[in-house]
C-alpha cells in the first residue's frame, strides 16, 4: 500500500492546542452565563458583536418589518429551498412508525415516537448569514412536531439579517433571538431571567459553538458535534482540476479552520489541482479566508488504488464527501464513515448546503464514525411501553421475571413479580424465593 501526502495541513498537536484553548474559553463563558444570566449575555453580545438592543427577542412587528425588506425573488427562493427541506424531512418522518405487537398471548409491547418538547436552533451568521441553516434546523423541527422552537442568530452588520429572520419565521420558529456564539447556545440551554431553557440544542457553528454544545450535552440533548466545515473530494481522471479545485475552495471559504482534502489516485490530477487552487485564489473574493484555510488545513493525498482511497476516506470520516470517479456507486455501497455523500460531477456540496433538500448539519471531527447528520428523527424520542392484559399472562411472565430477579440477587425486584404470580396465578410464592416453574411445557 502506498499513500503519499503531496500536501499536509496543521500537525495534530497544533490542532489539539487550539482545541484546548477553545475548551477553556467556553467553560468560563458558560459559567458566567449560569451565574449572571441576562447581564452576562448582554455583556458578551456587546463585546463580540457590538450589539445591545432593548430586547434580544424580536417582536412580531419587527419580524414583519425585516421580511418586508426582502425582494419578491429573495422571498420566493427562500420558500423554494425550505419546501425541498420540508418535503424530504416529511418523507423521513413518514418512514418512522409507532409500533405495537403482542409478543405472547396477553402481553403487548410497543413504542411511540414523541417529539422533543423544546429545541434551541442556532443559525450561524456573524460572517456569512446562513439562511439555509434555518431551514435545516427550524423547518425540520417543525415537521417533527416540536411544540416550542426557539431560534437564535447573531446580528449581521449590526442588525438582524432579514433573510435569516424570514427563514426562521417561515420555518416555524416560535421565539427568535438576535444573539450569537457561546452566549446564544448558553442562554438557550441554561436559561436566563427572560429565556426559558430548552431541552435540546441543534445547528452548526464555529469551534466555540460546537464546544459549547459539547459541554452542555447532558444538561440538554444535542443533535451532533457539528463544528467547522470539512470537505473531501475523491476524484480520478474522469474529472478535471478546475472541478476539484472549485469544490475544495467552495467549502474552504467557510472559515480559517475548515479542512479540505483531495483524495486521488492520479498524480497528474493532484498536481494540476494544486496549480488550479493557486490560480483561483488570486480571483476569489473570499480568498483571505479560503487561502488561510487551505494553507493550514488543506491536504492532497495520493493513493495507488480505489481500495486505498476508500480506506483513507473512512479513516478521515469527512463531513462532506464529493465523489467524482468512474465508480461513484461503488463508494456509496462501501463507504461507512462520513457526514453526507455527493455523488458525481453534476452534484455538489453547495446544492446540499442550500437547496437540494438533504440536511446540511453534519458530523465533523470524525463523528461520522458513530452518527449521521441532523434529520427529522433527531427531534423524536422513541419511548417504549408495555401492558399485560390477562391473568394468565401476568402469572406466566411474572414467574420468569421472579426467577431471573433472584438469579441476580434482587429480592425486592422478585417480589414485584411474585405479587402478580400470587394474585393472578393463584400460586403462593414465599417471600424471598423465586416462583416455581410450572412444567416443561410452560
Protein backbone atom coordinates (compact mmCIF):
# COMPACT_ATOMS: atom_id res chain seq x y z
CA UNK A 1 0.00 0.00 0.00
CA UNK A 2 1.36 3.39 -0.98
CA UNK A 3 -0.29 6.51 0.38
CA UNK A 4 1.56 9.75 -0.28
CA UNK A 5 0.75 13.19 1.11
CA UNK A 6 1.54 15.81 -1.52
CA UNK A 7 0.33 18.48 0.91
CA UNK A 8 -0.36 18.30 4.65
CA UNK A 9 -2.28 20.59 6.95
CA UNK A 10 -1.50 21.69 10.50
CA UNK A 11 0.02 18.93 12.67
CA UNK A 12 -2.41 17.19 15.05
CA UNK A 13 -0.54 18.59 18.05
CA UNK A 14 -1.19 22.18 16.95
CA UNK A 15 -4.86 21.40 16.31
CA UNK A 16 -5.13 19.87 19.79
CA UNK A 17 -3.60 23.01 21.30
CA UNK A 18 -6.21 25.15 19.52
CA UNK A 19 -8.95 22.86 20.85
CA UNK A 20 -7.67 23.17 24.42
CA UNK A 21 -7.76 26.98 24.25
CA UNK A 22 -11.31 26.85 22.91
CA UNK A 23 -12.42 24.50 25.71
CA UNK A 24 -11.13 26.83 28.41
CA UNK A 25 -12.81 29.91 26.93
CA UNK A 26 -16.14 28.13 26.53
CA UNK A 27 -16.08 26.71 30.06
CA UNK A 28 -15.57 30.12 31.69
CA UNK A 29 -18.15 31.77 29.42
CA UNK A 30 -20.85 29.21 30.21
CA UNK A 31 -20.13 29.62 33.92
CA UNK A 32 -20.59 33.38 33.52
CA UNK A 33 -23.97 32.88 31.81
CA UNK A 34 -25.11 30.49 34.53
CA UNK A 35 -24.11 32.91 37.27
CA UNK A 36 -25.23 36.18 35.70
CA UNK A 37 -27.97 35.33 33.21
CA UNK A 38 -29.19 38.17 31.01
CA UNK A 39 -26.44 40.51 32.20
CA UNK A 40 -23.76 38.08 31.01
CA UNK A 41 -25.50 37.57 27.66
CA UNK A 42 -25.71 41.32 27.11
CA UNK A 43 -22.07 41.89 28.06
CA UNK A 44 -20.93 39.12 25.71
CA UNK A 45 -23.07 40.47 22.87
CA UNK A 46 -21.61 43.94 23.36
CA UNK A 47 -18.08 42.52 23.47
CA UNK A 48 -18.25 40.22 20.45
CA UNK A 49 -20.99 41.71 18.27
CA UNK A 50 -21.18 45.37 19.41
CA UNK A 51 -24.90 44.74 19.72
CA UNK A 52 -27.11 45.66 22.69
CA UNK A 53 -30.79 46.12 21.76
CA UNK A 54 -33.55 46.80 24.31
CA UNK A 55 -34.56 43.15 23.89
CA UNK A 56 -32.75 40.34 22.12
CA UNK A 57 -36.07 38.71 21.25
CA UNK A 58 -37.76 40.07 18.14
CA UNK A 59 -41.40 41.10 18.28
CA UNK A 60 -43.83 40.15 15.53
CA UNK A 61 -43.87 43.72 14.10
CA UNK A 62 -40.05 43.67 13.99
CA UNK A 63 -40.11 40.31 12.19
CA UNK A 64 -42.68 41.57 9.68
CA UNK A 65 -40.62 44.71 9.00
CA UNK A 66 -37.47 42.68 8.37
CA UNK A 67 -39.25 40.31 5.99
CA UNK A 68 -40.62 43.32 4.11
CA UNK A 69 -37.02 44.33 3.27
CA UNK A 70 -36.63 41.28 1.01
CA UNK A 71 -37.40 41.36 -2.68
CA UNK A 72 -40.12 39.03 -4.01
CA UNK A 73 -37.40 36.95 -5.73
CA UNK A 74 -35.41 36.56 -2.49
CA UNK A 75 -38.51 35.52 -0.59
CA UNK A 76 -39.53 33.06 -3.29
CA UNK A 77 -36.05 31.49 -3.31
CA UNK A 78 -36.15 31.04 0.47
CA UNK A 79 -39.59 29.43 0.25
CA UNK A 80 -38.46 27.10 -2.56
CA UNK A 81 -35.41 25.87 -0.64
CA UNK A 82 -37.42 25.46 2.53
CA UNK A 83 -40.03 23.38 0.70
CA UNK A 84 -37.34 20.99 -0.56
CA UNK A 85 -36.09 20.52 3.01
CA UNK A 86 -39.63 20.08 4.36
CA UNK A 87 -40.57 17.54 1.71
CA UNK A 88 -37.55 15.33 2.38
CA UNK A 89 -37.96 15.67 6.15
CA UNK A 90 -41.63 14.69 5.84
CA UNK A 91 -40.69 11.61 3.79
CA UNK A 92 -38.23 10.65 6.51
CA UNK A 93 -40.84 11.25 9.23
CA UNK A 94 -43.33 9.08 7.40
CA UNK A 95 -40.83 6.21 7.49
CA UNK A 96 -40.74 6.27 11.31
CA UNK A 97 -43.69 4.28 12.56
CA UNK A 98 -45.13 3.73 16.00
CA UNK A 99 -45.46 0.00 16.65
CA UNK A 100 -47.47 -2.30 18.91
CA UNK A 101 -47.08 -6.07 18.93
CA UNK A 102 -48.42 -8.98 21.01
CA UNK A 103 -45.26 -10.92 21.83
CA UNK A 104 -47.13 -13.69 23.66
CA UNK A 105 -50.80 -14.09 24.46
CA UNK A 106 -51.87 -11.15 26.62
CA UNK A 107 -48.51 -9.31 26.54
CA UNK A 108 -48.46 -6.09 24.49
CA UNK A 109 -45.24 -4.19 23.73
CA UNK A 110 -44.91 -1.03 21.70
CA UNK A 111 -43.10 2.20 21.09
CA UNK A 112 -44.12 5.75 20.31
CA UNK A 113 -42.08 8.43 18.55
CA UNK A 114 -42.58 11.59 20.61
CA UNK A 115 -41.14 14.99 19.63
CA UNK A 116 -38.67 16.72 21.92
CA UNK A 117 -40.78 19.34 23.71
CA UNK A 118 -38.47 22.34 23.16
CA UNK A 119 -35.47 22.92 20.96
CA UNK A 120 -32.96 25.73 20.53
CA UNK A 121 -31.86 26.16 16.90
CA UNK A 122 -28.60 28.03 16.39
CA UNK A 123 -28.21 29.64 12.97
CA UNK A 124 -24.68 30.99 12.30
CA UNK A 125 -24.49 34.40 10.72
CA UNK A 126 -21.73 36.63 12.03
CA UNK A 127 -19.52 36.34 8.95
CA UNK A 128 -21.96 34.89 6.41
CA UNK A 129 -25.72 35.00 7.07
CA UNK A 130 -26.51 31.27 6.98
CA UNK A 131 -30.07 31.45 5.68
CA UNK A 132 -30.09 27.75 4.82
CA UNK A 133 -29.29 26.70 8.39
CA UNK A 134 -32.71 27.99 9.43
CA UNK A 135 -34.38 25.57 7.02
CA UNK A 136 -32.26 22.70 8.26
CA UNK A 137 -32.93 23.16 11.95
CA UNK A 138 -36.16 25.15 12.33
CA UNK A 139 -38.24 23.74 9.44
CA UNK A 140 -37.14 20.18 10.22
CA UNK A 141 -38.12 20.64 13.88
CA UNK A 142 -41.50 21.89 12.68
CA UNK A 143 -42.01 18.78 10.55
CA UNK A 144 -41.14 16.67 13.61
CA UNK A 145 -43.86 18.44 15.59
CA UNK A 146 -41.70 20.13 18.23
CA UNK A 147 -44.14 22.36 20.19
CA UNK A 148 -41.61 25.06 21.18
CA UNK A 149 -38.95 26.05 18.66
CA UNK A 150 -36.50 28.75 19.74
CA UNK A 151 -34.13 30.20 17.13
CA UNK A 152 -31.07 32.38 17.64
CA UNK A 153 -28.71 34.05 15.18
CA UNK A 154 -26.06 36.74 15.58
CA UNK A 155 -26.52 40.25 14.19
CA UNK A 156 -25.12 40.81 10.73
CA UNK A 157 -23.51 44.18 10.04
CA UNK A 158 -25.00 45.50 13.26
CA UNK A 159 -28.62 44.42 12.81
CA UNK A 160 -30.80 41.33 12.33
CA UNK A 161 -30.36 39.83 8.88
CA UNK A 162 -33.73 39.98 7.06
CA UNK A 163 -33.23 36.79 5.06
CA UNK A 164 -32.22 34.71 8.09
CA UNK A 165 -35.12 36.06 10.15
CA UNK A 166 -37.54 35.35 7.29
CA UNK A 167 -36.28 31.77 7.03
CA UNK A 168 -36.63 31.28 10.80
CA UNK A 169 -40.14 32.70 10.84
CA UNK A 170 -41.34 30.81 7.76
CA UNK A 171 -39.70 27.67 9.11
CA UNK A 172 -41.91 27.78 12.18
CA UNK A 173 -39.85 29.37 14.97
CA UNK A 174 -41.95 30.41 17.97
CA UNK A 175 -39.27 32.65 19.52
CA UNK A 176 -36.49 34.45 17.61
CA UNK A 177 -33.48 35.97 19.36
CA UNK A 178 -30.73 38.03 17.78
CA UNK A 179 -27.63 36.84 19.59
CA UNK A 180 -24.67 34.73 18.59
CA UNK A 181 -21.91 32.41 19.66
CA UNK A 182 -21.49 30.88 23.09
CA UNK A 183 -23.93 33.36 24.60
CA UNK A 184 -26.72 32.18 22.30
CA UNK A 185 -26.40 28.44 22.86
CA UNK A 186 -25.60 29.00 26.54
CA UNK A 187 -28.68 31.16 27.10
CA UNK A 188 -30.96 28.70 25.30
CA UNK A 189 -29.63 25.68 27.20
CA UNK A 190 -29.09 27.17 30.66
CA UNK A 191 -31.87 29.75 30.60
CA UNK A 192 -31.85 33.32 31.89
CA UNK A 193 -34.35 35.63 33.56
CA UNK A 194 -36.04 36.21 30.19
CA UNK A 195 -35.35 32.97 28.28
CA UNK A 196 -36.78 29.63 29.38
CA UNK A 197 -34.27 26.81 28.86
CA UNK A 198 -34.80 24.29 26.08
CA UNK A 199 -34.49 20.51 26.14
CA UNK A 200 -32.21 20.23 23.10
CA UNK A 201 -29.72 22.28 21.06
CA UNK A 202 -29.24 21.86 17.31
CA UNK A 203 -27.41 23.56 14.48
CA UNK A 204 -23.89 24.12 13.18
CA UNK A 205 -21.45 26.79 14.27
CA UNK A 206 -17.83 27.71 14.70
CA UNK A 207 -15.43 25.91 17.02
CA UNK A 208 -16.73 27.84 20.07
CA UNK A 209 -20.38 27.00 19.38
CA UNK A 210 -19.52 23.34 18.77
CA UNK A 211 -17.53 23.17 22.00
CA UNK A 212 -20.32 24.90 23.94
CA UNK A 213 -22.78 22.28 22.70
CA UNK A 214 -20.37 19.54 23.73
CA UNK A 215 -20.01 20.95 27.25
CA UNK A 216 -23.77 21.45 27.59
CA UNK A 217 -24.59 17.91 26.49
CA UNK A 218 -26.21 16.06 29.37
CA UNK A 219 -27.90 19.16 30.69
CA UNK A 220 -29.61 19.25 27.30
CA UNK A 221 -29.58 16.97 24.29
CA UNK A 222 -27.63 17.96 21.20
CA UNK A 223 -28.02 16.91 17.61
CA UNK A 224 -24.35 16.10 16.98
CA UNK A 225 -20.86 17.58 17.06
CA UNK A 226 -21.09 20.00 14.13
CA UNK A 227 -18.04 22.23 14.14
CA UNK A 228 -16.11 23.97 11.35
CA UNK A 229 -16.90 22.73 7.84
CA UNK A 230 -14.90 19.84 6.40
CA UNK A 231 -14.84 18.67 2.80
CA UNK A 232 -13.18 15.83 0.92
CA UNK A 233 -13.06 15.38 -2.84
CA UNK A 234 -12.50 11.82 -4.02
CA UNK A 235 -11.56 12.01 -7.69
CA UNK A 236 -9.88 10.17 -10.52
CA UNK A 237 -9.06 11.28 -14.06
CA UNK A 238 -12.72 11.25 -15.11
CA UNK A 239 -12.84 14.87 -13.87
CA UNK A 240 -10.52 17.83 -14.26
CA UNK A 241 -8.56 20.05 -11.92
CA UNK A 242 -10.94 23.01 -12.21
CA UNK A 243 -13.80 20.90 -10.86
CA UNK A 244 -11.72 19.59 -7.96
CA UNK A 245 -10.22 22.96 -7.04
CA UNK A 246 -13.59 24.70 -7.18
CA UNK A 247 -15.21 22.12 -4.91
CA UNK A 248 -12.37 22.29 -2.39
CA UNK A 249 -12.23 26.09 -2.18
CA UNK A 250 -16.01 26.40 -2.21
CA UNK A 251 -16.01 24.93 1.29
CA UNK A 252 -12.67 26.32 2.47
CA UNK A 253 -14.17 29.83 2.37
CA UNK A 254 -16.37 28.95 5.39
CA UNK A 255 -13.64 29.77 7.89
CA UNK A 256 -9.95 29.83 8.71
CA UNK A 257 -10.02 26.28 10.07
CA UNK A 258 -12.10 24.38 7.50
CA UNK A 259 -10.27 21.22 6.38
CA UNK A 260 -10.36 20.49 2.64
CA UNK A 261 -8.84 17.25 1.34
CA UNK A 262 -8.26 15.97 -2.18
CA UNK A 263 -8.03 12.17 -2.31
CA UNK A 264 -7.00 10.80 -5.69
CA UNK A 265 -5.18 8.00 -7.49
CA UNK A 266 -3.91 10.38 -10.19
CA UNK A 267 -0.67 12.27 -9.62
CA UNK A 268 -1.44 14.35 -12.71
CA UNK A 269 -4.83 15.43 -11.31
CA UNK A 270 -3.28 16.14 -7.90
CA UNK A 271 -0.59 18.41 -9.31
CA UNK A 272 -2.97 20.18 -11.68
CA UNK A 273 -5.48 20.75 -8.87
CA UNK A 274 -2.78 22.32 -6.72
CA UNK A 275 -1.96 24.72 -9.56
CA UNK A 276 -5.64 25.44 -10.18
CA UNK A 277 -6.18 26.26 -6.50
CA UNK A 278 -3.38 28.81 -6.69
CA UNK A 279 -5.00 30.35 -9.77
CA UNK A 280 -8.49 30.57 -8.27
CA UNK A 281 -7.22 32.05 -5.01
CA UNK A 282 -5.98 35.07 -6.99
CA UNK A 283 -9.51 35.92 -8.13
CA UNK A 284 -11.79 34.52 -5.40
CA UNK A 285 -13.41 37.36 -3.40
CA UNK A 286 -13.26 35.25 -0.23
CA UNK A 287 -9.62 34.32 -0.79
CA UNK A 288 -8.47 35.83 2.52
CA UNK A 289 -10.39 33.13 4.36
CA UNK A 290 -10.10 30.31 1.83
CA UNK A 291 -6.32 30.68 1.37
CA UNK A 292 -5.70 30.62 5.13
CA UNK A 293 -7.90 27.56 5.48
CA UNK A 294 -6.19 25.82 2.56
CA UNK A 295 -2.69 26.69 3.79
CA UNK A 296 -3.33 25.42 7.34
CA UNK A 297 -5.87 22.64 6.81
CA UNK A 298 -5.73 21.66 3.13
CA UNK A 299 -4.35 18.24 2.18
CA UNK A 300 -3.69 16.32 -1.02
CA UNK A 301 -3.44 12.54 -0.59
CA UNK A 302 -2.28 10.30 -3.42
CA UNK A 303 -3.20 6.60 -3.41
CA UNK A 304 -2.47 3.71 -5.78
CA UNK A 305 -5.86 2.02 -5.75
CA UNK A 306 -9.55 2.72 -5.19
CA UNK A 307 -9.45 0.38 -2.19
CA UNK A 308 -6.75 2.55 -0.61
CA UNK A 309 -8.83 5.65 -1.32
CA UNK A 310 -11.81 4.02 0.39
CA UNK A 311 -9.73 3.17 3.46
CA UNK A 312 -8.36 6.69 3.79
CA UNK A 313 -11.80 8.22 3.27
CA UNK A 314 -13.37 6.12 6.03
CA UNK A 315 -10.48 6.96 8.35
CA UNK A 316 -10.81 10.72 7.76
CA UNK A 317 -14.63 10.50 8.07
CA UNK A 318 -15.09 13.92 6.49
CA UNK A 319 -18.28 15.92 6.86
CA UNK A 320 -18.85 16.40 3.11
CA UNK A 321 -17.52 13.84 0.63
CA UNK A 322 -17.72 14.75 -3.06
CA UNK A 323 -17.16 11.59 -5.15
CA UNK A 324 -16.25 12.04 -8.83
CA UNK A 325 -14.89 8.77 -10.20
CA UNK A 326 -15.69 6.03 -12.68
CA UNK A 327 -17.31 4.07 -9.80
CA UNK A 328 -19.32 6.52 -7.67
CA UNK A 329 -21.93 3.92 -6.68
CA UNK A 330 -19.13 1.61 -5.51
CA UNK A 331 -18.15 4.26 -2.97
CA UNK A 332 -21.82 4.67 -1.97
CA UNK A 333 -22.04 0.93 -1.38
CA UNK A 334 -18.80 0.58 0.58
CA UNK A 335 -18.18 3.82 2.48
CA UNK A 336 -19.22 3.67 6.14
CA UNK A 337 -17.89 6.83 7.84
CA UNK A 338 -18.88 10.29 6.56
CA UNK A 339 -21.39 13.08 7.01
CA UNK A 340 -23.04 13.11 3.57
CA UNK A 341 -22.07 11.89 0.10
CA UNK A 342 -22.33 13.97 -3.06
CA UNK A 343 -22.09 11.59 -5.98
CA UNK A 344 -20.94 12.55 -9.47
CA UNK A 345 -19.76 15.80 -11.05
CA UNK A 346 -23.33 17.07 -11.56
CA UNK A 347 -23.81 17.02 -7.79
CA UNK A 348 -22.06 19.45 -5.45
CA UNK A 349 -21.85 20.30 -1.78
CA UNK A 350 -23.20 23.82 -2.24
CA UNK A 351 -26.52 22.45 -3.51
CA UNK A 352 -26.64 20.21 -0.46
CA UNK A 353 -25.84 23.15 1.76
CA UNK A 354 -28.51 25.44 0.37
CA UNK A 355 -31.36 23.91 -1.58
CA UNK A 356 -31.49 20.28 -2.67
CA UNK A 357 -33.37 19.07 0.42
CA UNK A 358 -31.00 16.94 2.48
CA UNK A 359 -29.90 18.42 5.79
CA UNK A 360 -26.60 20.30 5.88
CA UNK A 361 -25.96 20.00 9.63
CA UNK A 362 -23.49 17.13 9.53
CA UNK A 363 -20.93 15.43 11.80
CA UNK A 364 -17.37 16.78 11.91
CA UNK A 365 -14.13 15.79 13.66
CA UNK A 366 -14.62 12.10 12.83
CA UNK A 367 -18.08 11.99 14.45
CA UNK A 368 -19.30 10.40 11.22
CA UNK A 369 -17.89 7.16 12.63
CA UNK A 370 -20.81 6.96 15.09
CA UNK A 371 -23.57 9.32 13.94
CA UNK A 372 -25.21 10.68 10.85
CA UNK A 373 -26.34 14.27 10.40
CA UNK A 374 -29.32 16.23 11.64
CA UNK A 375 -32.64 14.86 10.36
CA UNK A 376 -36.23 14.78 11.48
CA UNK A 377 -35.55 11.69 13.60
CA UNK A 378 -33.12 13.62 15.82
CA UNK A 379 -36.07 15.57 17.18
CA UNK A 380 -38.00 12.42 18.04
CA UNK A 381 -37.60 10.27 21.14
CA UNK A 382 -38.60 6.64 20.76
CA UNK A 383 -40.29 5.58 24.00
CA UNK A 384 -41.34 2.02 24.72
CA UNK A 385 -44.38 0.85 26.69
CA UNK A 386 -45.82 -2.45 27.81
CA UNK A 387 -49.09 -3.78 29.14
CA UNK A 388 -50.27 -7.19 30.34
CA UNK A 389 -53.93 -7.85 29.59
CA UNK A 390 -54.75 -11.25 31.11
CA UNK A 391 -54.28 -13.03 34.43
CA UNK A 392 -52.62 -15.95 32.64
CA UNK A 393 -50.04 -13.68 31.00
CA UNK A 394 -49.34 -11.84 34.27
CA UNK A 395 -48.66 -15.11 36.08
CA UNK A 396 -46.60 -16.63 33.28
CA UNK A 397 -44.32 -13.68 32.62
CA UNK A 398 -44.16 -12.95 36.36
CA UNK A 399 -42.81 -16.42 37.13
CA UNK A 400 -39.96 -15.98 34.66
CA UNK A 401 -39.29 -12.49 35.99
CA UNK A 402 -39.24 -13.71 39.59
CA UNK A 403 -36.65 -16.41 38.94
CA UNK A 404 -34.46 -14.13 36.83
CA UNK A 405 -34.51 -11.44 39.53
CA UNK A 406 -33.44 -14.00 42.15
CA UNK A 407 -30.67 -15.15 39.80
CA UNK A 408 -29.23 -11.65 40.15
CA UNK A 409 -29.96 -11.35 43.87
CA UNK A 410 -32.67 -8.68 43.53
CA UNK A 411 -35.20 -9.90 46.09
CA UNK A 412 -37.28 -6.72 46.01
CA UNK A 413 -37.48 -6.94 42.23
CA UNK A 414 -38.55 -10.59 42.52
CA UNK A 415 -41.31 -9.67 44.93
CA UNK A 416 -42.83 -7.32 42.35
CA UNK A 417 -43.15 -10.34 40.08
CA UNK A 418 -44.22 -12.71 42.91
CA UNK A 419 -47.10 -10.45 43.87
CA UNK A 420 -48.53 -10.87 40.37
CA UNK A 421 -47.92 -14.64 40.44
CA UNK A 422 -49.82 -14.90 43.74
CA UNK A 423 -52.61 -12.52 42.80
CA UNK A 424 -53.25 -13.52 39.20
CA UNK A 425 -51.94 -17.09 39.12
CA UNK A 426 -53.06 -18.39 42.47
CA UNK A 427 -49.56 -19.64 43.33
CA UNK A 428 -48.28 -18.92 46.85
CA UNK A 429 -44.62 -17.91 46.48
CA UNK A 430 -42.82 -17.47 49.84
CA UNK A 431 -41.21 -14.05 50.31
CA UNK A 432 -37.55 -14.11 49.30
CA UNK A 433 -37.90 -17.06 46.92
CA UNK A 434 -38.32 -17.29 43.19
CA UNK A 435 -41.57 -18.51 41.67
CA UNK A 436 -41.61 -22.24 40.90
CA UNK A 437 -41.56 -23.39 37.29
CA UNK A 438 -44.92 -24.85 36.37
CA UNK A 439 -43.74 -27.57 33.99
CA UNK A 440 -41.64 -28.14 30.90
CA UNK A 441 -44.48 -27.03 28.66
CA UNK A 442 -44.53 -23.61 30.31
